[in-house]
Amino acid sequence: MHDLSDDPAAIARAAAAARSALVHYQGMARALVELMNVSENATFLVLPENGEHKVMRVHRQGYHSEAEIASELAWASALARAEGVRTPAALPNRQGGLVTNVADPGGGLRHCVLFDFVEGAEADPAQAEEGFVLLGELAARMHRHARRWARPAWFRRFNWDFDAAFGREARWGRWQQGIGVGRAETAILSRLEDHLQSRLRAFGTAPERFGLVHADMRLANLLWGPPGEVTVIDFDDCGFSWFLYDLGAALSFVEDHPQVPALIDAWLRGYRSVADLSRQDEAEIWTFILFRRLLLLAWIGTHQAAEIARKLGPVYAAGTCDLAERYLSRSNG
């Protein structure tokens, strides 16, 4: 897996692809592009000569197929219609499609999507509990929709199951190659992986527990606009997993923060304002927090140039081991 953020040439190719894609949109051929963000994909602010700003997402080659991207857009649009979940609107090109394919300067094709620009900012950290209530409410509405929605026959998204996370073809790489993972850490985290596999096998994948999820539902992916307007962004990792994975994702990178118990309670309050959550589900909350934590340890190892990876470094591996020891002690106690 290649992280674009450490490769200026790759970013330049993505910008060239964005400019090529804009030719296929009405009134956009002469628009300027400015890099906004880069991780799995490159995201550009689009500044047309006339009209409102837009956002162009240039997908990393080889991560998603065109059908998978179209499926993501279909779900986000359906959520907005059926559940009132605000999502950025994807804009059609001249041919009416939402995914525009252009040649990459380095070879092959790049998939590009143009979105309406959404005004908003991330939540104030001082209002984290309020934000987690909303995260829980939104997750419940999205899960409710996923259970009822008749997906198009062509719908394709990948899984976030145990094999996808930790199997031979682990999507984000192997946690064993994470920063700061040595012999002692491997011993502890191998025990954790085995225990997670056992718990998840027992928990099962019945439709009330496993389905289509956002898979990155955290405060950083909510844009707070005018009062009453919050937009859910970045459906790029959406796919099929346990619904509780969205709670694990909400706590990404802060799983050992002292505020976590209060944030979990806030998320549950928001969720239960919309849908039930059984005691059996609640008993597995830390299973999914540790599942996500171990998965992120792998992600850091394959994205070492990313700002969060540079910031956390080996501290994240040590913290993961501490959390694993506590979790295993509770589970075996």
C-alpha atoms as a PDB file:
ATOM      1  CA  MET A   1       0.000   0.000   0.000  1.00  0.00           C
ATOM      2  CA  HIS A   2       1.422   3.377  -0.992  1.00  0.00           C
ATOM      3  CA  ASP A   3       0.772   6.563   0.941  1.00  0.00           C
ATOM      4  CA  LEU A   4       0.575   9.548  -1.412  1.00  0.00           C
ATOM      5  CA  SER A   5       1.584  12.039   1.254  1.00  0.00           C
ATOM      6  CA  ASP A   6       5.293  11.155   1.019  1.00  0.00           C
ATOM      7  CA  ASP A   7       5.509  11.417  -2.776  1.00  0.00           C
ATOM      8  CA  PRO A   8       5.379  14.879  -4.406  1.00  0.00           C
ATOM      9  CA  ALA A   9       5.475  13.316  -7.870  1.00  0.00           C
ATOM     10  CA  ALA A  10       2.409  11.207  -7.060  1.00  0.00           C
ATOM     11  CA  ILE A  11       0.567  14.295  -5.819  1.00  0.00           C
ATOM     12  CA  ALA A  12       1.490  16.117  -9.029  1.00  0.00           C
ATOM     13  CA  ARG A  13       0.079  13.214 -11.081  1.00  0.00           C
ATOM     14  CA  ALA A  14      -3.131  13.315  -9.041  1.00  0.00           C
ATOM     15  CA  ALA A  15      -3.431  17.063  -9.666  1.00  0.00           C
ATOM     16  CA  ALA A  16      -2.933  16.488 -13.397  1.00  0.00           C
ATOM     17  CA  ALA A  17      -5.655  13.825 -13.313  1.00  0.00           C
ATOM     18  CA  ALA A  18      -7.991  16.256 -11.525  1.00  0.00           C
ATOM     19  CA  ARG A  19      -7.441  18.897 -14.191  1.00  0.00           C
ATOM     20  CA  SER A  20      -8.041  16.330 -16.932  1.00  0.00           C
ATOM     21  CA  ALA A  21     -11.265  15.193 -15.274  1.00  0.00           C
ATOM     22  CA  LEU A  22     -12.620  18.739 -14.979  1.00  0.00           C
ATOM     23  CA  VAL A  23     -12.750  19.018 -18.760  1.00  0.00           C
ATOM     24  CA  HIS A  24     -15.666  16.565 -18.601  1.00  0.00           C
ATOM     25  CA  TYR A  25     -17.802  18.907 -16.448  1.00  0.00           C
ATOM     26  CA  GLN A  26     -19.827  21.870 -17.657  1.00  0.00           C
ATOM     27  CA  GLY A  27     -18.018  25.141 -17.034  1.00  0.00           C
ATOM     28  CA  MET A  28     -15.038  23.516 -15.299  1.00  0.00           C
ATOM     29  CA  ALA A  29     -12.432  23.182 -18.054  1.00  0.00           C
ATOM     30  CA  ARG A  30     -10.529  26.322 -16.966  1.00  0.00           C
ATOM     31  CA  ALA A  31     -10.976  25.840 -13.208  1.00  0.00           C
ATOM     32  CA  LEU A  32      -7.986  25.919 -10.880  1.00  0.00           C
ATOM     33  CA  VAL A  33      -7.265  23.132  -8.389  1.00  0.00           C
ATOM     34  CA  GLU A  34      -5.661  23.426  -4.954  1.00  0.00           C
ATOM     35  CA  LEU A  35      -4.652  20.430  -2.820  1.00  0.00           C
ATOM     36  CA  MET A  36      -6.797  20.124   0.315  1.00  0.00           C
ATOM     37  CA  ASN A  37      -5.932  16.730   1.724  1.00  0.00           C
ATOM     38  CA  VAL A  38      -4.064  13.577   0.809  1.00  0.00           C
ATOM     39  CA  SER A  39      -4.224  10.085   2.298  1.00  0.00           C
ATOM     40  CA  GLU A  40      -5.669   7.103   0.468  1.00  0.00           C
ATOM     41  CA  ASN A  41      -6.953   9.594  -2.114  1.00  0.00           C
ATOM     42  CA  ALA A  42      -6.051  13.146  -3.065  1.00  0.00           C
ATOM     43  CA  THR A  43      -8.727  15.791  -2.536  1.00  0.00           C
ATOM     44  CA  PHE A  44      -8.620  19.131  -4.342  1.00  0.00           C
ATOM     45  CA  LEU A  45     -10.529  22.372  -3.970  1.00  0.00           C
ATOM     46  CA  VAL A  46     -11.843  23.358  -7.419  1.00  0.00           C
ATOM     47  CA  LEU A  47     -12.039  27.065  -8.207  1.00  0.00           C
ATOM     48  CA  PRO A  48     -14.061  27.692 -11.380  1.00  0.00           C
ATOM     49  CA  GLU A  49     -13.902  30.980 -13.272  1.00  0.00           C
ATOM     50  CA  ASN A  50     -17.568  31.519 -12.478  1.00  0.00           C
ATOM     51  CA  GLY A  51     -19.724  29.830  -9.899  1.00  0.00           C
ATOM     52  CA  GLU A  52     -19.270  28.154  -6.546  1.00  0.00           C
ATOM     53  CA  HIS A  53     -16.298  26.160  -5.362  1.00  0.00           C
ATOM     54  CA  LYS A  54     -16.363  22.395  -5.770  1.00  0.00           C
ATOM     55  CA  VAL A  55     -14.285  19.497  -4.468  1.00  0.00           C
ATOM     56  CA  MET A  56     -12.567  16.891  -6.655  1.00  0.00           C
ATOM     57  CA  ARG A  57     -11.556  13.535  -5.203  1.00  0.00           C
ATOM     58  CA  VAL A  58      -8.914  11.663  -7.192  1.00  0.00           C
ATOM     59  CA  HIS A  59      -8.894   8.037  -6.123  1.00  0.00           C
ATOM     60  CA  ARG A  60      -5.732   6.109  -5.461  1.00  0.00           C
ATOM     61  CA  GLN A  61      -5.136   3.551  -8.184  1.00  0.00           C
ATOM     62  CA  GLY A  62      -5.980  -0.007  -7.290  1.00  0.00           C
ATOM     63  CA  TYR A  63      -7.923   0.648  -4.085  1.00  0.00           C
ATOM     64  CA  HIS A  64     -11.480   0.854  -5.451  1.00  0.00           C
ATOM     65  CA  SER A  65     -13.058  -0.186  -8.714  1.00  0.00           C
ATOM     66  CA  GLU A  66     -15.415   2.143 -10.563  1.00  0.00           C
ATOM     67  CA  ALA A  67     -18.368   0.012  -9.423  1.00  0.00           C
ATOM     68  CA  GLU A  68     -17.267   0.262  -5.788  1.00  0.00           C
ATOM     69  CA  ILE A  69     -17.013   4.047  -6.014  1.00  0.00           C
ATOM     70  CA  ALA A  70     -20.434   4.278  -7.678  1.00  0.00           C
ATOM     71  CA  SER A  71     -21.806   2.076  -4.887  1.00  0.00           C
ATOM     72  CA  GLU A  72     -20.437   4.394  -2.205  1.00  0.00           C
ATOM     73  CA  LEU A  73     -22.084   7.356  -3.918  1.00  0.00           C
ATOM     74  CA  ALA A  74     -25.374   5.471  -4.268  1.00  0.00           C
ATOM     75  CA  TRP A  75     -25.515   4.729  -0.536  1.00  0.00           C
ATOM     76  CA  ALA A  76     -24.615   8.293   0.478  1.00  0.00           C
ATOM     77  CA  SER A  77     -27.330   9.639  -1.807  1.00  0.00           C
ATOM     78  CA  ALA A  78     -29.904   7.130  -0.522  1.00  0.00           C
ATOM     79  CA  LEU A  79     -29.087   8.074   3.084  1.00  0.00           C
ATOM     80  CA  ALA A  80     -29.739  11.723   2.321  1.00  0.00           C
ATOM     81  CA  ARG A  81     -33.105  10.918   0.749  1.00  0.00           C
ATOM     82  CA  ALA A  82     -34.391   8.306   3.175  1.00  0.00           C
ATOM     83  CA  GLU A  83     -32.848   9.253   6.519  1.00  0.00           C
ATOM     84  CA  GLY A  84     -32.087  12.944   6.125  1.00  0.00           C
ATOM     85  CA  VAL A  85     -28.375  12.280   6.703  1.00  0.00           C
ATOM     86  CA  ARG A  86     -26.579  15.208   5.096  1.00  0.00           C
ATOM     87  CA  THR A  87     -23.857  14.045   2.693  1.00  0.00           C
ATOM     88  CA  PRO A  88     -21.915  15.931  -0.010  1.00  0.00           C
ATOM     89  CA  ALA A  89     -23.680  15.681  -3.371  1.00  0.00           C
ATOM     90  CA  ALA A  90     -21.707  14.084  -6.197  1.00  0.00           C
ATOM     91  CA  LEU A  91     -22.099  16.001  -9.452  1.00  0.00           C
ATOM     92  CA  PRO A  92     -22.648  14.390 -12.862  1.00  0.00           C
ATOM     93  CA  ASN A  93     -20.214  14.876 -15.725  1.00  0.00           C
ATOM     94  CA  ARG A  94     -21.302  15.794 -19.250  1.00  0.00           C
ATOM     95  CA  GLN A  95     -22.235  12.171 -19.929  1.00  0.00           C
ATOM     96  CA  GLY A  96     -24.365  11.955 -16.787  1.00  0.00           C
ATOM     97  CA  GLY A  97     -21.964   9.725 -14.847  1.00  0.00           C
ATOM     98  CA  LEU A  98     -20.754  10.375 -11.326  1.00  0.00           C
ATOM     99  CA  VAL A  99     -17.354   8.710 -11.785  1.00  0.00           C
ATOM    100  CA  THR A 100     -15.021  10.206 -14.382  1.00  0.00           C
ATOM    101  CA  ASN A 101     -12.117   8.101 -15.628  1.00  0.00           C
ATOM    102  CA  VAL A 102      -9.006   9.785 -16.987  1.00  0.00           C
ATOM    103  CA  ALA A 103      -5.530   8.670 -17.948  1.00  0.00           C
ATOM    104  CA  ASP A 104      -2.924   8.936 -15.216  1.00  0.00           C
ATOM    105  CA  PRO A 105       0.345  10.559 -16.327  1.00  0.00           C
ATOM    106  CA  GLY A 106       2.161   7.579 -14.828  1.00  0.00           C
ATOM    107  CA  GLY A 107       0.022   5.024 -16.649  1.00  0.00           C
ATOM    108  CA  GLY A 108      -3.379   3.426 -16.188  1.00  0.00           C
ATOM    109  CA  LEU A 109      -6.640   5.136 -15.269  1.00  0.00           C
ATOM    110  CA  ARG A 110      -7.663   7.341 -12.365  1.00  0.00           C
ATOM    111  CA  HIS A 111     -11.230   7.461 -11.022  1.00  0.00           C
ATOM    112  CA  CYS A 112     -12.360  10.992 -10.143  1.00  0.00           C
ATOM    113  CA  VAL A 113     -15.522  12.343  -8.487  1.00  0.00           C
ATOM    114  CA  LEU A 114     -16.655  15.972  -8.302  1.00  0.00           C
ATOM    115  CA  PHE A 115     -18.649  17.054  -5.233  1.00  0.00           C
ATOM    116  CA  ASP A 116     -20.453  20.147  -4.106  1.00  0.00           C
ATOM    117  CA  PHE A 117     -18.354  22.121  -1.632  1.00  0.00           C
ATOM    118  CA  VAL A 118     -19.757  21.897   1.900  1.00  0.00           C
ATOM    119  CA  GLU A 119     -19.147  24.719   4.355  1.00  0.00           C
ATOM    120  CA  GLY A 120     -18.270  23.544   7.828  1.00  0.00           C
ATOM    121  CA  ALA A 121     -15.614  22.838  10.428  1.00  0.00           C
ATOM    122  CA  GLU A 122     -14.648  19.953  12.673  1.00  0.00           C
ATOM    123  CA  ALA A 123     -16.174  19.758  16.125  1.00  0.00           C
ATOM    124  CA  ASP A 124     -14.566  21.743  18.921  1.00  0.00           C
ATOM    125  CA  PRO A 125     -12.627  19.223  21.081  1.00  0.00           C
ATOM    126  CA  ALA A 126     -14.245  20.825  24.120  1.00  0.00           C
ATOM    127  CA  GLN A 127     -17.595  19.573  22.803  1.00  0.00           C
ATOM    128  CA  ALA A 128     -16.468  15.992  22.192  1.00  0.00           C
ATOM    129  CA  GLU A 129     -19.236  14.420  24.272  1.00  0.00           C
ATOM    130  CA  GLU A 130     -21.900  16.383  22.407  1.00  0.00           C
ATOM    131  CA  GLY A 131     -20.274  15.272  19.168  1.00  0.00           C
ATOM    132  CA  PHE A 132     -20.315  11.623  20.228  1.00  0.00           C
ATOM    133  CA  VAL A 133     -24.031  11.809  20.997  1.00  0.00           C
ATOM    134  CA  LEU A 134     -24.527  12.939  17.419  1.00  0.00           C
ATOM    135  CA  LEU A 135     -22.133  10.261  16.096  1.00  0.00           C
ATOM    136  CA  GLY A 136     -24.207   7.609  17.854  1.00  0.00           C
ATOM    137  CA  GLU A 137     -27.487   9.014  16.549  1.00  0.00           C
ATOM    138  CA  LEU A 138     -26.165   9.211  12.982  1.00  0.00           C
ATOM    139  CA  ALA A 139     -24.747   5.701  13.174  1.00  0.00           C
ATOM    140  CA  ALA A 140     -28.108   4.328  14.305  1.00  0.00           C
ATOM    141  CA  ARG A 141     -29.915   6.075  11.454  1.00  0.00           C
ATOM    142  CA  MET A 142     -27.387   4.790   8.943  1.00  0.00           C
ATOM    143  CA  HIS A 143     -27.547   1.243  10.318  1.00  0.00           C
ATOM    144  CA  ARG A 144     -31.350   1.340  10.220  1.00  0.00           C
ATOM    145  CA  HIS A 145     -31.191   2.370   6.590  1.00  0.00           C
ATOM    146  CA  ALA A 146     -28.596  -0.279   5.736  1.00  0.00           C
ATOM    147  CA  ARG A 147     -30.802  -3.034   7.152  1.00  0.00           C
ATOM    148  CA  ARG A 148     -33.817  -1.923   5.100  1.00  0.00           C
ATOM    149  CA  TRP A 149     -32.258  -0.656   1.889  1.00  0.00           C
ATOM    150  CA  ALA A 150     -32.700  -2.707  -1.280  1.00  0.00           C
ATOM    151  CA  ARG A 151     -29.233  -2.237  -2.740  1.00  0.00           C
ATOM    152  CA  PRO A 152     -28.837  -2.087  -6.533  1.00  0.00           C
ATOM    153  CA  ALA A 153     -27.899  -5.397  -8.125  1.00  0.00           C
ATOM    154  CA  TRP A 154     -24.560  -3.908  -9.189  1.00  0.00           C
ATOM    155  CA  PHE A 155     -23.677  -2.705  -5.676  1.00  0.00           C
ATOM    156  CA  ARG A 156     -20.122  -3.661  -4.669  1.00  0.00           C
ATOM    157  CA  ARG A 157     -18.202  -2.774  -1.504  1.00  0.00           C
ATOM    158  CA  PHE A 158     -15.502  -4.668   0.328  1.00  0.00           C
ATOM    159  CA  ASN A 159     -15.697  -6.273   3.779  1.00  0.00           C
ATOM    160  CA  TRP A 160     -14.146  -5.195   7.048  1.00  0.00           C
ATOM    161  CA  ASP A 161     -14.278  -8.658   8.578  1.00  0.00           C
ATOM    162  CA  PHE A 162     -11.523 -10.469  10.443  1.00  0.00           C
ATOM    163  CA  ASP A 163      -9.783 -11.798   7.339  1.00  0.00           C
ATOM    164  CA  ALA A 164      -9.823  -8.384   5.650  1.00  0.00           C
ATOM    165  CA  ALA A 165      -8.250  -6.833   8.737  1.00  0.00           C
ATOM    166  CA  PHE A 166      -5.715  -9.474   9.750  1.00  0.00           C
ATOM    167  CA  GLY A 167      -5.627 -12.209   7.116  1.00  0.00           C
ATOM    168  CA  ARG A 168      -2.945 -12.920   4.532  1.00  0.00           C
ATOM    169  CA  GLU A 169      -4.281 -10.150   2.290  1.00  0.00           C
ATOM    170  CA  ALA A 170      -4.846  -7.642   5.111  1.00  0.00           C
ATOM    171  CA  ARG A 171      -6.213  -4.496   3.517  1.00  0.00           C
ATOM    172  CA  TRP A 172      -4.054  -2.038   5.454  1.00  0.00           C
ATOM    173  CA  GLY A 173      -1.042  -4.292   5.829  1.00  0.00           C
ATOM    174  CA  ARG A 174       0.136  -6.423   8.749  1.00  0.00           C
ATOM    175  CA  TRP A 175       0.182  -5.034  12.271  1.00  0.00           C
ATOM    176  CA  GLN A 176       3.358  -7.074  12.800  1.00  0.00           C
ATOM    177  CA  GLN A 177       5.106  -4.476  10.608  1.00  0.00           C
ATOM    178  CA  GLY A 178       3.740  -1.577  12.625  1.00  0.00           C
ATOM    179  CA  ILE A 179       6.071   1.058  14.064  1.00  0.00           C
ATOM    180  CA  GLY A 180       7.467  -0.065  17.409  1.00  0.00           C
ATOM    181  CA  VAL A 181       6.288  -3.683  17.156  1.00  0.00           C
ATOM    182  CA  GLY A 182       9.084  -5.895  18.450  1.00  0.00           C
ATOM    183  CA  ARG A 183       9.218  -9.378  19.932  1.00  0.00           C
ATOM    184  CA  ALA A 184       7.491  -8.504  23.221  1.00  0.00           C
ATOM    185  CA  GLU A 185       4.768  -6.516  21.474  1.00  0.00           C
ATOM    186  CA  THR A 186       4.201  -9.309  18.964  1.00  0.00           C
ATOM    187  CA  ALA A 187       3.646 -11.803  21.773  1.00  0.00           C
ATOM    188  CA  ILE A 188       0.986  -9.657  23.449  1.00  0.00           C
ATOM    189  CA  LEU A 189      -0.736  -8.603  20.246  1.00  0.00           C
ATOM    190  CA  SER A 190      -0.801 -12.143  18.866  1.00  0.00           C
ATOM    191  CA  ARG A 191      -2.770 -13.135  21.965  1.00  0.00           C
ATOM    192  CA  LEU A 192      -5.066 -10.195  21.318  1.00  0.00           C
ATOM    193  CA  GLU A 193      -5.619 -11.185  17.680  1.00  0.00           C
ATOM    194  CA  ASP A 194      -6.457 -14.767  18.655  1.00  0.00           C
ATOM    195  CA  HIS A 195      -8.897 -13.573  21.295  1.00  0.00           C
ATOM    196  CA  LEU A 196     -10.570 -11.125  18.933  1.00  0.00           C
ATOM    197  CA  GLN A 197     -11.041 -13.877  16.380  1.00  0.00           C
ATOM    198  CA  SER A 198     -12.651 -16.112  18.985  1.00  0.00           C
ATOM    199  CA  ARG A 199     -14.977 -13.379  20.275  1.00  0.00           C
ATOM    200  CA  LEU A 200     -16.034 -12.311  16.796  1.00  0.00           C
ATOM    201  CA  ARG A 201     -16.689 -15.867  15.687  1.00  0.00           C
ATOM    202  CA  ALA A 202     -18.971 -16.334  18.700  1.00  0.00           C
ATOM    203  CA  PHE A 203     -20.641 -12.947  18.148  1.00  0.00           C
ATOM    204  CA  GLY A 204     -21.493 -13.906  14.585  1.00  0.00           C
ATOM    205  CA  THR A 205     -22.581 -12.030  11.499  1.00  0.00           C
ATOM    206  CA  ALA A 206     -26.372 -12.160  11.734  1.00  0.00           C
ATOM    207  CA  PRO A 207     -28.095  -9.351   9.773  1.00  0.00           C
ATOM    208  CA  GLU A 208     -28.964  -7.445  12.944  1.00  0.00           C
ATOM    209  CA  ARG A 209     -25.231  -7.259  13.792  1.00  0.00           C
ATOM    210  CA  PHE A 210     -23.422  -7.148  10.456  1.00  0.00           C
ATOM    211  CA  GLY A 211     -24.132  -4.999   7.413  1.00  0.00           C
ATOM    212  CA  LEU A 212     -23.211  -1.861   5.529  1.00  0.00           C
ATOM    213  CA  VAL A 213     -21.314   0.660   7.693  1.00  0.00           C
ATOM    214  CA  HIS A 214     -19.494   3.951   7.190  1.00  0.00           C
ATOM    215  CA  ALA A 215     -16.337   2.407   8.741  1.00  0.00           C
ATOM    216  CA  ASP A 216     -14.737   5.772   9.592  1.00  0.00           C
ATOM    217  CA  MET A 217     -17.467   7.475  11.630  1.00  0.00           C
ATOM    218  CA  ARG A 218     -15.447   9.866  13.786  1.00  0.00           C
ATOM    219  CA  LEU A 219     -15.600  13.538  14.666  1.00  0.00           C
ATOM    220  CA  ALA A 220     -13.049  14.391  11.961  1.00  0.00           C
ATOM    221  CA  ASN A 221     -15.583  13.197   9.377  1.00  0.00           C
ATOM    222  CA  LEU A 222     -18.404  15.453  10.534  1.00  0.00           C
ATOM    223  CA  LEU A 223     -18.574  18.988   9.156  1.00  0.00           C
ATOM    224  CA  TRP A 224     -20.454  21.374  11.444  1.00  0.00           C
ATOM    225  CA  GLY A 225     -22.063  24.143   9.414  1.00  0.00           C
ATOM    226  CA  PRO A 226     -24.913  26.499  10.326  1.00  0.00           C
ATOM    227  CA  PRO A 227     -26.933  25.507  13.420  1.00  0.00           C
ATOM    228  CA  GLY A 228     -28.698  22.219  12.792  1.00  0.00           C
ATOM    229  CA  GLU A 229     -26.575  21.344   9.751  1.00  0.00           C
ATOM    230  CA  VAL A 230     -23.989  18.600  10.165  1.00  0.00           C
ATOM    231  CA  THR A 231     -22.642  16.791   7.110  1.00  0.00           C
ATOM    232  CA  VAL A 232     -21.174  13.286   7.140  1.00  0.00           C
ATOM    233  CA  ILE A 233     -18.172  13.068   4.814  1.00  0.00           C
ATOM    234  CA  ASP A 234     -15.590  10.523   3.659  1.00  0.00           C
ATOM    235  CA  PHE A 235     -17.496   7.359   2.826  1.00  0.00           C
ATOM    236  CA  ASP A 236     -14.375   6.036   1.083  1.00  0.00           C
ATOM    237  CA  ASP A 237     -13.972   3.108   3.502  1.00  0.00           C
ATOM    238  CA  CYS A 238     -17.654   2.199   3.755  1.00  0.00           C
ATOM    239  CA  GLY A 239     -18.308  -1.493   3.431  1.00  0.00           C
ATOM    240  CA  PHE A 240     -19.688  -4.536   5.184  1.00  0.00           C
ATOM    241  CA  SER A 241     -18.765  -5.092   8.807  1.00  0.00           C
ATOM    242  CA  TRP A 242     -20.255  -5.367  12.249  1.00  0.00           C
ATOM    243  CA  PHE A 243     -22.393  -2.338  13.052  1.00  0.00           C
ATOM    244  CA  LEU A 244     -20.420  -1.851  16.276  1.00  0.00           C
ATOM    245  CA  TYR A 245     -17.314  -1.291  14.181  1.00  0.00           C
ATOM    246  CA  ASP A 246     -18.592   2.260  13.716  1.00  0.00           C
ATOM    247  CA  LEU A 247     -18.185   2.815  17.463  1.00  0.00           C
ATOM    248  CA  GLY A 248     -14.639   1.446  17.336  1.00  0.00           C
ATOM    249  CA  ALA A 249     -13.899   3.784  14.430  1.00  0.00           C
ATOM    250  CA  ALA A 250     -15.310   6.767  16.346  1.00  0.00           C
ATOM    251  CA  LEU A 251     -12.507   6.339  18.903  1.00  0.00           C
ATOM    252  CA  SER A 252      -9.694   6.053  16.366  1.00  0.00           C
ATOM    253  CA  PHE A 253      -6.290   7.107  17.764  1.00  0.00           C
ATOM    254  CA  VAL A 254      -7.721   8.105  21.180  1.00  0.00           C
ATOM    255  CA  GLU A 255      -8.704   4.670  22.504  1.00  0.00           C
ATOM    256  CA  ASP A 256      -6.610   5.098  25.673  1.00  0.00           C
ATOM    257  CA  HIS A 257      -7.720   8.652  26.484  1.00  0.00           C
ATOM    258  CA  PRO A 258      -9.241   9.078  29.972  1.00  0.00           C
ATOM    259  CA  GLN A 259     -12.382  10.552  28.403  1.00  0.00           C
ATOM    260  CA  VAL A 260     -13.164   7.349  26.454  1.00  0.00           C
ATOM    261  CA  PRO A 261     -15.709   5.872  28.937  1.00  0.00           C
ATOM    262  CA  ALA A 262     -17.687   9.141  28.832  1.00  0.00           C
ATOM    263  CA  LEU A 263     -17.475   9.204  25.023  1.00  0.00           C
ATOM    264  CA  ILE A 264     -18.763   5.644  24.815  1.00  0.00           C
ATOM    265  CA  ASP A 265     -21.689   6.542  27.088  1.00  0.00           C
ATOM    266  CA  ALA A 266     -22.438   9.590  24.912  1.00  0.00           C
ATOM    267  CA  TRP A 267     -22.353   7.498  21.713  1.00  0.00           C
ATOM    268  CA  LEU A 268     -24.703   4.943  23.277  1.00  0.00           C
ATOM    269  CA  ARG A 269     -27.144   7.661  24.350  1.00  0.00           C
ATOM    270  CA  GLY A 270     -27.255   8.971  20.820  1.00  0.00           C
ATOM    271  CA  TYR A 271     -27.634   5.513  19.324  1.00  0.00           C
ATOM    272  CA  ARG A 272     -30.418   4.484  21.681  1.00  0.00           C
ATOM    273  CA  SER A 273     -32.348   7.644  20.873  1.00  0.00           C
ATOM    274  CA  VAL A 274     -32.942   6.004  17.473  1.00  0.00           C
ATOM    275  CA  ALA A 275     -32.483   2.243  17.797  1.00  0.00           C
ATOM    276  CA  ASP A 276     -32.047  -0.501  20.354  1.00  0.00           C
ATOM    277  CA  LEU A 277     -28.697  -2.003  21.258  1.00  0.00           C
ATOM    278  CA  SER A 278     -28.760  -5.309  23.080  1.00  0.00           C
ATOM    279  CA  ARG A 279     -26.774  -6.209  26.184  1.00  0.00           C
ATOM    280  CA  GLN A 280     -24.933  -8.777  24.077  1.00  0.00           C
ATOM    281  CA  ASP A 281     -23.898  -6.015  21.699  1.00  0.00           C
ATOM    282  CA  GLU A 282     -22.851  -3.720  24.522  1.00  0.00           C
ATOM    283  CA  ALA A 283     -20.709  -6.484  26.031  1.00  0.00           C
ATOM    284  CA  GLU A 284     -18.554  -6.484  22.877  1.00  0.00           C
ATOM    285  CA  ILE A 285     -17.839  -2.762  22.668  1.00  0.00           C
ATOM    286  CA  TRP A 286     -14.216  -3.163  23.719  1.00  0.00           C
ATOM    287  CA  THR A 287     -13.815  -6.045  21.296  1.00  0.00           C
ATOM    288  CA  PHE A 288     -14.503  -3.625  18.459  1.00  0.00           C
ATOM    289  CA  ILE A 289     -12.394  -0.851  19.963  1.00  0.00           C
ATOM    290  CA  LEU A 290      -9.419  -3.226  20.093  1.00  0.00           C
ATOM    291  CA  PHE A 291     -10.247  -4.600  16.626  1.00  0.00           C
ATOM    292  CA  ARG A 292     -10.019  -1.080  15.217  1.00  0.00           C
ATOM    293  CA  ARG A 293      -6.933  -0.231  17.302  1.00  0.00           C
ATOM    294  CA  LEU A 294      -5.012  -3.236  15.981  1.00  0.00           C
ATOM    295  CA  LEU A 295      -6.122  -2.421  12.448  1.00  0.00           C
ATOM    296  CA  LEU A 296      -4.872   1.164  12.853  1.00  0.00           C
ATOM    297  CA  LEU A 297      -1.523  -0.115  14.095  1.00  0.00           C
ATOM    298  CA  ALA A 298      -1.205  -1.831  10.713  1.00  0.00           C
ATOM    299  CA  TRP A 299      -2.340   1.355   8.936  1.00  0.00           C
ATOM    300  CA  ILE A 300       0.325   3.429  10.682  1.00  0.00           C
ATOM    301  CA  GLY A 301       2.955   0.938   9.518  1.00  0.00           C
ATOM    302  CA  THR A 302       1.965   1.386   5.874  1.00  0.00           C
ATOM    303  CA  HIS A 303       1.372   5.156   6.104  1.00  0.00           C
ATOM    304  CA  GLN A 304       4.460   6.306   7.968  1.00  0.00           C
ATOM    305  CA  ALA A 305       4.565   9.638   6.128  1.00  0.00           C
ATOM    306  CA  ALA A 306       1.050  10.553   7.269  1.00  0.00           C
ATOM    307  CA  GLU A 307       0.966  13.288   9.914  1.00  0.00           C
ATOM    308  CA  ILE A 308      -0.850  11.140  12.503  1.00  0.00           C
ATOM    309  CA  ALA A 309       1.623   8.280  11.965  1.00  0.00           C
ATOM    310  CA  ARG A 310       4.606  10.598  12.468  1.00  0.00           C
ATOM    311  CA  LYS A 311       2.985  12.033  15.574  1.00  0.00           C
ATOM    312  CA  LEU A 312       2.134   8.732  17.248  1.00  0.00           C
ATOM    313  CA  GLY A 313       4.984   6.534  16.040  1.00  0.00           C
ATOM    314  CA  PRO A 314       6.015   3.742  18.449  1.00  0.00           C
ATOM    315  CA  VAL A 315       3.879   5.216  21.246  1.00  0.00           C
ATOM    316  CA  TYR A 316       0.834   3.772  19.517  1.00  0.00           C
ATOM    317  CA  ALA A 317       2.223   0.228  19.632  1.00  0.00           C
ATOM    318  CA  ALA A 318       3.019   0.526  23.342  1.00  0.00           C
ATOM    319  CA  GLY A 319      -0.434   1.939  24.064  1.00  0.00           C
ATOM    320  CA  THR A 320      -2.040  -0.857  22.064  1.00  0.00           C
ATOM    321  CA  CYS A 321      -0.214  -3.421  24.207  1.00  0.00           C
ATOM    322  CA  ASP A 322      -1.419  -1.736  27.409  1.00  0.00           C
ATOM    323  CA  LEU A 323      -5.015  -1.743  26.176  1.00  0.00           C
ATOM    324  CA  ALA A 324      -4.677  -5.349  25.030  1.00  0.00           C
ATOM    325  CA  GLU A 325      -3.430  -6.496  28.441  1.00  0.00           C
ATOM    326  CA  ARG A 326      -6.345  -4.809  30.212  1.00  0.00           C
ATOM    327  CA  TYR A 327      -8.878  -6.149  27.720  1.00  0.00           C
ATOM    328  CA  LEU A 328      -7.514  -9.699  27.931  1.00  0.00           C
ATOM    329  CA  SER A 329      -7.452  -9.554  31.725  1.00  0.00           C
ATOM    330  CA  ARG A 330     -11.116  -8.519  31.832  1.00  0.00           C
ATOM    331  CA  SER A 331     -12.119 -11.138  29.272  1.00  0.00           C
ATOM    332  CA  ASN A 332     -10.326 -13.925  31.114  1.00  0.00           C
ATOM    333  CA  GLY A 333     -11.269 -12.759  34.575  1.00  0.00           C
END
